[in-house]
Amino acid sequence: SSSLVPDVSGLSAETRAALAAHWKDTALLEHASVAAFAR
C-alpha cells in the first residue's frame, strides 16, 4: 500500500464494499501489469 488515504466518512457499508471491490480488482490487474512488462 502507498500513502494514499481516501475520505470514507459518510459512506455506507454497501458503498464502501463496492469501492473496495473495485479498487481491489484494479490493484490486482495493475500488479499483474508488472509481470506483463517483465515479459
ModelCIF file with pLDDT and N, C-alpha, C, O atoms, coordinates in Angstrom:
data_MODEL
#
_entry.id   MODEL 
#
_entity.id                         1 
_entity.type                       polymer 
_entity.pdbx_number_of_molecules   1 
#
_entity_poly.entity_id                      1 
_entity_poly.type                           'polypeptide(L)' 
_entity_poly.nstd_linkage                   no 
_entity_poly.nstd_monomer                   no 
_entity_poly.pdbx_seq_one_letter_code       SSSLVPDVSGLSAETRAALAAHWKDTALLEHASVAAFAR 
_entity_poly.pdbx_seq_one_letter_code_can   SSSLVPDVSGLSAETRAALAAHWKDTALLEHASVAAFAR 
_entity_poly.pdbx_strand_id                 A 
#
loop_
_entity_poly_seq.entity_id 
_entity_poly_seq.num 
_entity_poly_seq.mon_id 
_entity_poly_seq.hetero 
1 1  SER n 
1 2  SER n 
1 3  SER n 
1 4  LEU n 
1 5  VAL n 
1 6  PRO n 
1 7  ASP n 
1 8  VAL n 
1 9  SER n 
1 10 GLY n 
1 11 LEU n 
1 12 SER n 
1 13 ALA n 
1 14 GLU n 
1 15 THR n 
1 16 ARG n 
1 17 ALA n 
1 18 ALA n 
1 19 LEU n 
1 20 ALA n 
1 21 ALA n 
1 22 HIS n 
1 23 TRP n 
1 24 LYS n 
1 25 ASP n 
1 26 THR n 
1 27 ALA n 
1 28 LEU n 
1 29 LEU n 
1 30 GLU n 
1 31 HIS n 
1 32 ALA n 
1 33 SER n 
1 34 VAL n 
1 35 ALA n 
1 36 ALA n 
1 37 PHE n 
1 38 ALA n 
1 39 ARG n 
#
_struct_asym.id          A 
_struct_asym.entity_id   1 
#
loop_
_ma_qa_metric.id 
_ma_qa_metric.mode 
_ma_qa_metric.name 
_ma_qa_metric.software_group_id 
_ma_qa_metric.type 
1 global pLDDT . pLDDT 
2 local  pLDDT . pLDDT 
#
_ma_qa_metric_global.metric_id      1 
_ma_qa_metric_global.metric_value   94.28 
_ma_qa_metric_global.model_id       1 
_ma_qa_metric_global.ordinal_id     1 
#
loop_
_ma_qa_metric_local.label_asym_id 
_ma_qa_metric_local.label_comp_id 
_ma_qa_metric_local.label_seq_id 
_ma_qa_metric_local.metric_id 
_ma_qa_metric_local.metric_value 
_ma_qa_metric_local.model_id 
_ma_qa_metric_local.ordinal_id 
A SER 1  2 97.00 1 1  
A SER 2  2 96.00 1 2  
A SER 3  2 96.00 1 3  
A LEU 4  2 96.00 1 4  
A VAL 5  2 96.00 1 5  
A PRO 6  2 97.00 1 6  
A ASP 7  2 96.00 1 7  
A VAL 8  2 96.00 1 8  
A SER 9  2 93.00 1 9  
A GLY 10 2 89.00 1 10 
A LEU 11 2 93.00 1 11 
A SER 12 2 94.00 1 12 
A ALA 13 2 94.00 1 13 
A GLU 14 2 93.00 1 14 
A THR 15 2 94.00 1 15 
A ARG 16 2 95.00 1 16 
A ALA 17 2 94.00 1 17 
A ALA 18 2 93.00 1 18 
A LEU 19 2 95.00 1 19 
A ALA 20 2 96.00 1 20 
A ALA 21 2 94.00 1 21 
A HIS 22 2 94.00 1 22 
A TRP 23 2 96.00 1 23 
A LYS 24 2 96.00 1 24 
A ASP 25 2 94.00 1 25 
A THR 26 2 94.00 1 26 
A ALA 27 2 96.00 1 27 
A LEU 28 2 95.00 1 28 
A LEU 29 2 93.00 1 29 
A GLU 30 2 94.00 1 30 
A HIS 31 2 95.00 1 31 
A ALA 32 2 94.00 1 32 
A SER 33 2 94.00 1 33 
A VAL 34 2 94.00 1 34 
A ALA 35 2 92.00 1 35 
A ALA 36 2 91.00 1 36 
A PHE 37 2 94.00 1 37 
A ALA 38 2 93.00 1 38 
A ARG 39 2 91.00 1 39 
#
loop_
_atom_site.group_PDB 
_atom_site.id 
_atom_site.type_symbol 
_atom_site.label_atom_id 
_atom_site.label_alt_id 
_atom_site.label_comp_id 
_atom_site.label_asym_id 
_atom_site.label_entity_id 
_atom_site.label_seq_id 
_atom_site.pdbx_PDB_ins_code 
_atom_site.Cartn_x 
_atom_site.Cartn_y 
_atom_site.Cartn_z 
_atom_site.occupancy 
_atom_site.B_iso_or_equiv 
_atom_site.pdbx_formal_charge 
_atom_site.auth_seq_id 
_atom_site.auth_comp_id 
_atom_site.auth_asym_id 
_atom_site.auth_atom_id 
_atom_site.pdbx_PDB_model_num 
ATOM 1   N N  . SER A 1 1  ? 0.825   -1.201  0.000   1.00 97.00 ? 1  SER A N  1 
ATOM 2   C CA . SER A 1 1  ? 0.000   0.000   0.000   1.00 97.00 ? 1  SER A CA 1 
ATOM 3   C C  . SER A 1 1  ? 0.862   1.256   0.000   1.00 97.00 ? 1  SER A C  1 
ATOM 4   O O  . SER A 1 1  ? 1.871   1.334   0.702   1.00 97.00 ? 1  SER A O  1 
ATOM 5   N N  . SER A 1 2  ? 0.448   2.244   -0.803  1.00 96.00 ? 2  SER A N  1 
ATOM 6   C CA . SER A 1 2  ? 1.091   3.549   -0.781  1.00 96.00 ? 2  SER A CA 1 
ATOM 7   C C  . SER A 1 2  ? 0.515   4.365   0.370   1.00 96.00 ? 2  SER A C  1 
ATOM 8   O O  . SER A 1 2  ? -0.216  3.839   1.210   1.00 96.00 ? 2  SER A O  1 
ATOM 9   N N  . SER A 1 3  ? 0.848   5.652   0.403   1.00 96.00 ? 3  SER A N  1 
ATOM 10  C CA . SER A 1 3  ? 0.384   6.510   1.498   1.00 96.00 ? 3  SER A CA 1 
ATOM 11  C C  . SER A 1 3  ? -0.977  7.150   1.240   1.00 96.00 ? 3  SER A C  1 
ATOM 12  O O  . SER A 1 3  ? -1.450  7.935   2.062   1.00 96.00 ? 3  SER A O  1 
ATOM 13  N N  . LEU A 1 4  ? -1.617  6.828   0.112   1.00 96.00 ? 4  LEU A N  1 
ATOM 14  C CA . LEU A 1 4  ? -2.908  7.440   -0.206  1.00 96.00 ? 4  LEU A CA 1 
ATOM 15  C C  . LEU A 1 4  ? -3.991  6.976   0.769   1.00 96.00 ? 4  LEU A C  1 
ATOM 16  O O  . LEU A 1 4  ? -4.096  5.791   1.084   1.00 96.00 ? 4  LEU A O  1 
ATOM 17  N N  . VAL A 1 5  ? -4.791  7.932   1.239   1.00 96.00 ? 5  VAL A N  1 
ATOM 18  C CA . VAL A 1 5  ? -5.897  7.619   2.164   1.00 96.00 ? 5  VAL A CA 1 
ATOM 19  C C  . VAL A 1 5  ? -7.126  8.403   1.710   1.00 96.00 ? 5  VAL A C  1 
ATOM 20  O O  . VAL A 1 5  ? -7.144  9.627   1.842   1.00 96.00 ? 5  VAL A O  1 
ATOM 21  N N  . PRO A 1 6  ? -8.151  7.739   1.182   1.00 97.00 ? 6  PRO A N  1 
ATOM 22  C CA . PRO A 1 6  ? -9.374  8.438   0.766   1.00 97.00 ? 6  PRO A CA 1 
ATOM 23  C C  . PRO A 1 6  ? -10.237 8.770   1.977   1.00 97.00 ? 6  PRO A C  1 
ATOM 24  O O  . PRO A 1 6  ? -10.061 8.197   3.052   1.00 97.00 ? 6  PRO A O  1 
ATOM 25  N N  . ASP A 1 7  ? -11.161 9.689   1.796   1.00 96.00 ? 7  ASP A N  1 
ATOM 26  C CA . ASP A 1 7  ? -12.106 10.054  2.845   1.00 96.00 ? 7  ASP A CA 1 
ATOM 27  C C  . ASP A 1 7  ? -13.306 9.110   2.778   1.00 96.00 ? 7  ASP A C  1 
ATOM 28  O O  . ASP A 1 7  ? -14.084 9.154   1.825   1.00 96.00 ? 7  ASP A O  1 
ATOM 29  N N  . VAL A 1 8  ? -13.450 8.266   3.783   1.00 96.00 ? 8  VAL A N  1 
ATOM 30  C CA . VAL A 1 8  ? -14.542 7.283   3.785   1.00 96.00 ? 8  VAL A CA 1 
ATOM 31  C C  . VAL A 1 8  ? -15.676 7.701   4.708   1.00 96.00 ? 8  VAL A C  1 
ATOM 32  O O  . VAL A 1 8  ? -16.651 6.964   4.858   1.00 96.00 ? 8  VAL A O  1 
ATOM 33  N N  . SER A 1 9  ? -15.567 8.863   5.326   1.00 93.00 ? 9  SER A N  1 
ATOM 34  C CA . SER A 1 9  ? -16.626 9.318   6.234   1.00 93.00 ? 9  SER A CA 1 
ATOM 35  C C  . SER A 1 9  ? -17.912 9.577   5.445   1.00 93.00 ? 9  SER A C  1 
ATOM 36  O O  . SER A 1 9  ? -17.886 10.160  4.361   1.00 93.00 ? 9  SER A O  1 
ATOM 37  N N  . GLY A 1 10 ? -19.010 9.141   5.999   1.00 89.00 ? 10 GLY A N  1 
ATOM 38  C CA . GLY A 1 10 ? -20.299 9.352   5.349   1.00 89.00 ? 10 GLY A CA 1 
ATOM 39  C C  . GLY A 1 10 ? -20.660 8.295   4.324   1.00 89.00 ? 10 GLY A C  1 
ATOM 40  O O  . GLY A 1 10 ? -21.756 8.337   3.765   1.00 89.00 ? 10 GLY A O  1 
ATOM 41  N N  . LEU A 1 11 ? -19.778 7.354   4.062   1.00 93.00 ? 11 LEU A N  1 
ATOM 42  C CA . LEU A 1 11 ? -20.072 6.295   3.094   1.00 93.00 ? 11 LEU A CA 1 
ATOM 43  C C  . LEU A 1 11 ? -20.747 5.128   3.803   1.00 93.00 ? 11 LEU A C  1 
ATOM 44  O O  . LEU A 1 11 ? -20.328 4.717   4.885   1.00 93.00 ? 11 LEU A O  1 
ATOM 45  N N  . SER A 1 12 ? -21.789 4.604   3.183   1.00 94.00 ? 12 SER A N  1 
ATOM 46  C CA . SER A 1 12 ? -22.476 3.446   3.756   1.00 94.00 ? 12 SER A CA 1 
ATOM 47  C C  . SER A 1 12 ? -21.607 2.209   3.606   1.00 94.00 ? 12 SER A C  1 
ATOM 48  O O  . SER A 1 12 ? -20.650 2.190   2.832   1.00 94.00 ? 12 SER A O  1 
ATOM 49  N N  . ALA A 1 13 ? -21.963 1.168   4.368   1.00 94.00 ? 13 ALA A N  1 
ATOM 50  C CA . ALA A 1 13 ? -21.218 -0.090  4.293   1.00 94.00 ? 13 ALA A CA 1 
ATOM 51  C C  . ALA A 1 13 ? -21.303 -0.680  2.891   1.00 94.00 ? 13 ALA A C  1 
ATOM 52  O O  . ALA A 1 13 ? -20.333 -1.246  2.387   1.00 94.00 ? 13 ALA A O  1 
ATOM 53  N N  . GLU A 1 14 ? -22.475 -0.543  2.263   1.00 93.00 ? 14 GLU A N  1 
ATOM 54  C CA . GLU A 1 14 ? -22.659 -1.068  0.909   1.00 93.00 ? 14 GLU A CA 1 
ATOM 55  C C  . GLU A 1 14 ? -21.776 -0.333  -0.098  1.00 93.00 ? 14 GLU A C  1 
ATOM 56  O O  . GLU A 1 14 ? -21.167 -0.956  -0.967  1.00 93.00 ? 14 GLU A O  1 
ATOM 57  N N  . THR A 1 15 ? -21.710 0.984   0.020   1.00 94.00 ? 15 THR A N  1 
ATOM 58  C CA . THR A 1 15 ? -20.886 1.769   -0.897  1.00 94.00 ? 15 THR A CA 1 
ATOM 59  C C  . THR A 1 15 ? -19.409 1.459   -0.691  1.00 94.00 ? 15 THR A C  1 
ATOM 60  O O  . THR A 1 15 ? -18.657 1.311   -1.654  1.00 94.00 ? 15 THR A O  1 
ATOM 61  N N  . ARG A 1 16 ? -19.005 1.363   0.554   1.00 95.00 ? 16 ARG A N  1 
ATOM 62  C CA . ARG A 1 16 ? -17.597 1.045   0.836   1.00 95.00 ? 16 ARG A CA 1 
ATOM 63  C C  . ARG A 1 16 ? -17.227 -0.331  0.288   1.00 95.00 ? 16 ARG A C  1 
ATOM 64  O O  . ARG A 1 16 ? -16.122 -0.522  -0.220  1.00 95.00 ? 16 ARG A O  1 
ATOM 65  N N  . ALA A 1 17 ? -18.140 -1.279  0.390   1.00 94.00 ? 17 ALA A N  1 
ATOM 66  C CA . ALA A 1 17 ? -17.869 -2.622  -0.128  1.00 94.00 ? 17 ALA A CA 1 
ATOM 67  C C  . ALA A 1 17 ? -17.707 -2.587  -1.641  1.00 94.00 ? 17 ALA A C  1 
ATOM 68  O O  . ALA A 1 17 ? -16.827 -3.249  -2.190  1.00 94.00 ? 17 ALA A O  1 
ATOM 69  N N  . ALA A 1 18 ? -18.569 -1.804  -2.325  1.00 93.00 ? 18 ALA A N  1 
ATOM 70  C CA . ALA A 1 18 ? -18.468 -1.694  -3.783  1.00 93.00 ? 18 ALA A CA 1 
ATOM 71  C C  . ALA A 1 18 ? -17.160 -1.035  -4.182  1.00 93.00 ? 18 ALA A C  1 
ATOM 72  O O  . ALA A 1 18 ? -16.518 -1.469  -5.139  1.00 93.00 ? 18 ALA A O  1 
ATOM 73  N N  . LEU A 1 19 ? -16.751 0.011   -3.464  1.00 95.00 ? 19 LEU A N  1 
ATOM 74  C CA . LEU A 1 19 ? -15.500 0.702   -3.778  1.00 95.00 ? 19 LEU A CA 1 
ATOM 75  C C  . LEU A 1 19 ? -14.295 -0.182  -3.468  1.00 95.00 ? 19 LEU A C  1 
ATOM 76  O O  . LEU A 1 19 ? -13.312 -0.178  -4.208  1.00 95.00 ? 19 LEU A O  1 
ATOM 77  N N  . ALA A 1 20 ? -14.371 -0.936  -2.380  1.00 96.00 ? 20 ALA A N  1 
ATOM 78  C CA . ALA A 1 20 ? -13.274 -1.846  -2.033  1.00 96.00 ? 20 ALA A CA 1 
ATOM 79  C C  . ALA A 1 20 ? -13.091 -2.901  -3.119  1.00 96.00 ? 20 ALA A C  1 
ATOM 80  O O  . ALA A 1 20 ? -11.965 -3.217  -3.502  1.00 96.00 ? 20 ALA A O  1 
ATOM 81  N N  . ALA A 1 21 ? -14.207 -3.446  -3.614  1.00 94.00 ? 21 ALA A N  1 
ATOM 82  C CA . ALA A 1 21 ? -14.121 -4.465  -4.665  1.00 94.00 ? 21 ALA A CA 1 
ATOM 83  C C  . ALA A 1 21 ? -13.540 -3.872  -5.944  1.00 94.00 ? 21 ALA A C  1 
ATOM 84  O O  . ALA A 1 21 ? -12.712 -4.498  -6.606  1.00 94.00 ? 21 ALA A O  1 
ATOM 85  N N  . HIS A 1 22 ? -13.975 -2.666  -6.286  1.00 94.00 ? 22 HIS A N  1 
ATOM 86  C CA . HIS A 1 22 ? -13.480 -2.003  -7.491  1.00 94.00 ? 22 HIS A CA 1 
ATOM 87  C C  . HIS A 1 22 ? -11.972 -1.794  -7.431  1.00 94.00 ? 22 HIS A C  1 
ATOM 88  O O  . HIS A 1 22 ? -11.254 -2.164  -8.360  1.00 94.00 ? 22 HIS A O  1 
ATOM 89  N N  . TRP A 1 23 ? -11.491 -1.204  -6.344  1.00 96.00 ? 23 TRP A N  1 
ATOM 90  C CA . TRP A 1 23 ? -10.070 -0.889  -6.256  1.00 96.00 ? 23 TRP A CA 1 
ATOM 91  C C  . TRP A 1 23 ? -9.221  -2.129  -6.005  1.00 96.00 ? 23 TRP A C  1 
ATOM 92  O O  . TRP A 1 23 ? -8.034  -2.146  -6.334  1.00 96.00 ? 23 TRP A O  1 
ATOM 93  N N  . LYS A 1 24 ? -9.821  -3.165  -5.424  1.00 96.00 ? 24 LYS A N  1 
ATOM 94  C CA . LYS A 1 24 ? -9.091  -4.422  -5.274  1.00 96.00 ? 24 LYS A CA 1 
ATOM 95  C C  . LYS A 1 24 ? -8.858  -5.066  -6.638  1.00 96.00 ? 24 LYS A C  1 
ATOM 96  O O  . LYS A 1 24 ? -7.759  -5.541  -6.923  1.00 96.00 ? 24 LYS A O  1 
ATOM 97  N N  . ASP A 1 25 ? -9.900  -5.082  -7.488  1.00 94.00 ? 25 ASP A N  1 
ATOM 98  C CA . ASP A 1 25 ? -9.748  -5.595  -8.850  1.00 94.00 ? 25 ASP A CA 1 
ATOM 99  C C  . ASP A 1 25 ? -8.699  -4.783  -9.614  1.00 94.00 ? 25 ASP A C  1 
ATOM 100 O O  . ASP A 1 25 ? -7.851  -5.336  -10.315 1.00 94.00 ? 25 ASP A O  1 
ATOM 101 N N  . THR A 1 26 ? -8.778  -3.467  -9.460  1.00 94.00 ? 26 THR A N  1 
ATOM 102 C CA . THR A 1 26 ? -7.823  -2.596  -10.125 1.00 94.00 ? 26 THR A CA 1 
ATOM 103 C C  . THR A 1 26 ? -6.401  -2.924  -9.679  1.00 94.00 ? 26 THR A C  1 
ATOM 104 O O  . THR A 1 26 ? -5.493  -3.048  -10.501 1.00 94.00 ? 26 THR A O  1 
ATOM 105 N N  . ALA A 1 27 ? -6.223  -3.061  -8.369  1.00 96.00 ? 27 ALA A N  1 
ATOM 106 C CA . ALA A 1 27 ? -4.891  -3.323  -7.816  1.00 96.00 ? 27 ALA A CA 1 
ATOM 107 C C  . ALA A 1 27 ? -4.311  -4.631  -8.329  1.00 96.00 ? 27 ALA A C  1 
ATOM 108 O O  . ALA A 1 27 ? -3.130  -4.695  -8.670  1.00 96.00 ? 27 ALA A O  1 
ATOM 109 N N  . LEU A 1 28 ? -5.139  -5.681  -8.387  1.00 95.00 ? 28 LEU A N  1 
ATOM 110 C CA . LEU A 1 28 ? -4.645  -6.976  -8.850  1.00 95.00 ? 28 LEU A CA 1 
ATOM 111 C C  . LEU A 1 28 ? -4.228  -6.917  -10.319 1.00 95.00 ? 28 LEU A C  1 
ATOM 112 O O  . LEU A 1 28 ? -3.237  -7.533  -10.710 1.00 95.00 ? 28 LEU A O  1 
ATOM 113 N N  . LEU A 1 29 ? -4.980  -6.182  -11.126 1.00 93.00 ? 29 LEU A N  1 
ATOM 114 C CA . LEU A 1 29 ? -4.634  -6.067  -12.534 1.00 93.00 ? 29 LEU A CA 1 
ATOM 115 C C  . LEU A 1 29 ? -3.396  -5.202  -12.736 1.00 93.00 ? 29 LEU A C  1 
ATOM 116 O O  . LEU A 1 29 ? -2.576  -5.490  -13.608 1.00 93.00 ? 29 LEU A O  1 
ATOM 117 N N  . GLU A 1 30 ? -3.251  -4.146  -11.940 1.00 94.00 ? 30 GLU A N  1 
ATOM 118 C CA . GLU A 1 30 ? -2.044  -3.323  -12.016 1.00 94.00 ? 30 GLU A CA 1 
ATOM 119 C C  . GLU A 1 30 ? -0.824  -4.127  -11.556 1.00 94.00 ? 30 GLU A C  1 
ATOM 120 O O  . GLU A 1 30 ? 0.257   -4.015  -12.135 1.00 94.00 ? 30 GLU A O  1 
ATOM 121 N N  . HIS A 1 31 ? -1.005  -4.922  -10.529 1.00 95.00 ? 31 HIS A N  1 
ATOM 122 C CA . HIS A 1 31 ? 0.062   -5.801  -10.037 1.00 95.00 ? 31 HIS A CA 1 
ATOM 123 C C  . HIS A 1 31 ? 0.496   -6.773  -11.125 1.00 95.00 ? 31 HIS A C  1 
ATOM 124 O O  . HIS A 1 31 ? 1.690   -7.005  -11.317 1.00 95.00 ? 31 HIS A O  1 
ATOM 125 N N  . ALA A 1 32 ? -0.478  -7.343  -11.841 1.00 94.00 ? 32 ALA A N  1 
ATOM 126 C CA . ALA A 1 32 ? -0.168  -8.265  -12.928 1.00 94.00 ? 32 ALA A CA 1 
ATOM 127 C C  . ALA A 1 32 ? 0.486   -7.547  -14.101 1.00 94.00 ? 32 ALA A C  1 
ATOM 128 O O  . ALA A 1 32 ? 1.215   -8.167  -14.876 1.00 94.00 ? 32 ALA A O  1 
ATOM 129 N N  . SER A 1 33 ? 0.236   -6.258  -14.240 1.00 94.00 ? 33 SER A N  1 
ATOM 130 C CA . SER A 1 33 ? 0.849   -5.494  -15.325 1.00 94.00 ? 33 SER A CA 1 
ATOM 131 C C  . SER A 1 33 ? 2.368   -5.453  -15.191 1.00 94.00 ? 33 SER A C  1 
ATOM 132 O O  . SER A 1 33 ? 3.080   -5.357  -16.191 1.00 94.00 ? 33 SER A O  1 
ATOM 133 N N  . VAL A 1 34 ? 2.859   -5.525  -13.969 1.00 94.00 ? 34 VAL A N  1 
ATOM 134 C CA . VAL A 1 34 ? 4.306   -5.562  -13.765 1.00 94.00 ? 34 VAL A CA 1 
ATOM 135 C C  . VAL A 1 34 ? 4.882   -6.803  -14.453 1.00 94.00 ? 34 VAL A C  1 
ATOM 136 O O  . VAL A 1 34 ? 5.928   -6.737  -15.098 1.00 94.00 ? 34 VAL A O  1 
ATOM 137 N N  . ALA A 1 35 ? 4.187   -7.930  -14.308 1.00 92.00 ? 35 ALA A N  1 
ATOM 138 C CA . ALA A 1 35 ? 4.628   -9.162  -14.958 1.00 92.00 ? 35 ALA A CA 1 
ATOM 139 C C  . ALA A 1 35 ? 4.536   -9.046  -16.477 1.00 92.00 ? 35 ALA A C  1 
ATOM 140 O O  . ALA A 1 35 ? 5.404   -9.539  -17.199 1.00 92.00 ? 35 ALA A O  1 
ATOM 141 N N  . ALA A 1 36 ? 3.483   -8.394  -16.953 1.00 91.00 ? 36 ALA A N  1 
ATOM 142 C CA . ALA A 1 36 ? 3.317   -8.224  -18.402 1.00 91.00 ? 36 ALA A CA 1 
ATOM 143 C C  . ALA A 1 36 ? 4.483   -7.435  -18.988 1.00 91.00 ? 36 ALA A C  1 
ATOM 144 O O  . ALA A 1 36 ? 4.978   -7.767  -20.065 1.00 91.00 ? 36 ALA A O  1 
ATOM 145 N N  . PHE A 1 37 ? 4.922   -6.401  -18.290 1.00 94.00 ? 37 PHE A N  1 
ATOM 146 C CA . PHE A 1 37 ? 6.049   -5.616  -18.789 1.00 94.00 ? 37 PHE A CA 1 
ATOM 147 C C  . PHE A 1 37 ? 7.367   -6.372  -18.640 1.00 94.00 ? 37 PHE A C  1 
ATOM 148 O O  . PHE A 1 37 ? 8.273   -6.200  -19.456 1.00 94.00 ? 37 PHE A O  1 
ATOM 149 N N  . ALA A 1 38 ? 7.484   -7.204  -17.609 1.00 93.00 ? 38 ALA A N  1 
ATOM 150 C CA . ALA A 1 38 ? 8.684   -8.019  -17.472 1.00 93.00 ? 38 ALA A CA 1 
ATOM 151 C C  . ALA A 1 38 ? 8.800   -8.984  -18.655 1.00 93.00 ? 38 ALA A C  1 
ATOM 152 O O  . ALA A 1 38 ? 9.884   -9.182  -19.203 1.00 93.00 ? 38 ALA A O  1 
ATOM 153 N N  . ARG A 1 39 ? 7.679   -9.574  -19.037 1.00 91.00 ? 39 ARG A N  1 
ATOM 154 C CA . ARG A 1 39 ? 7.676   -10.460 -20.213 1.00 91.00 ? 39 ARG A CA 1 
ATOM 155 C C  . ARG A 1 39 ? 7.973   -9.676  -21.489 1.00 91.00 ? 39 ARG A C  1 
ATOM 156 O O  . ARG A 1 39 ? 8.011   -10.255 -22.574 1.00 91.00 ? 39 ARG A O  1 
#
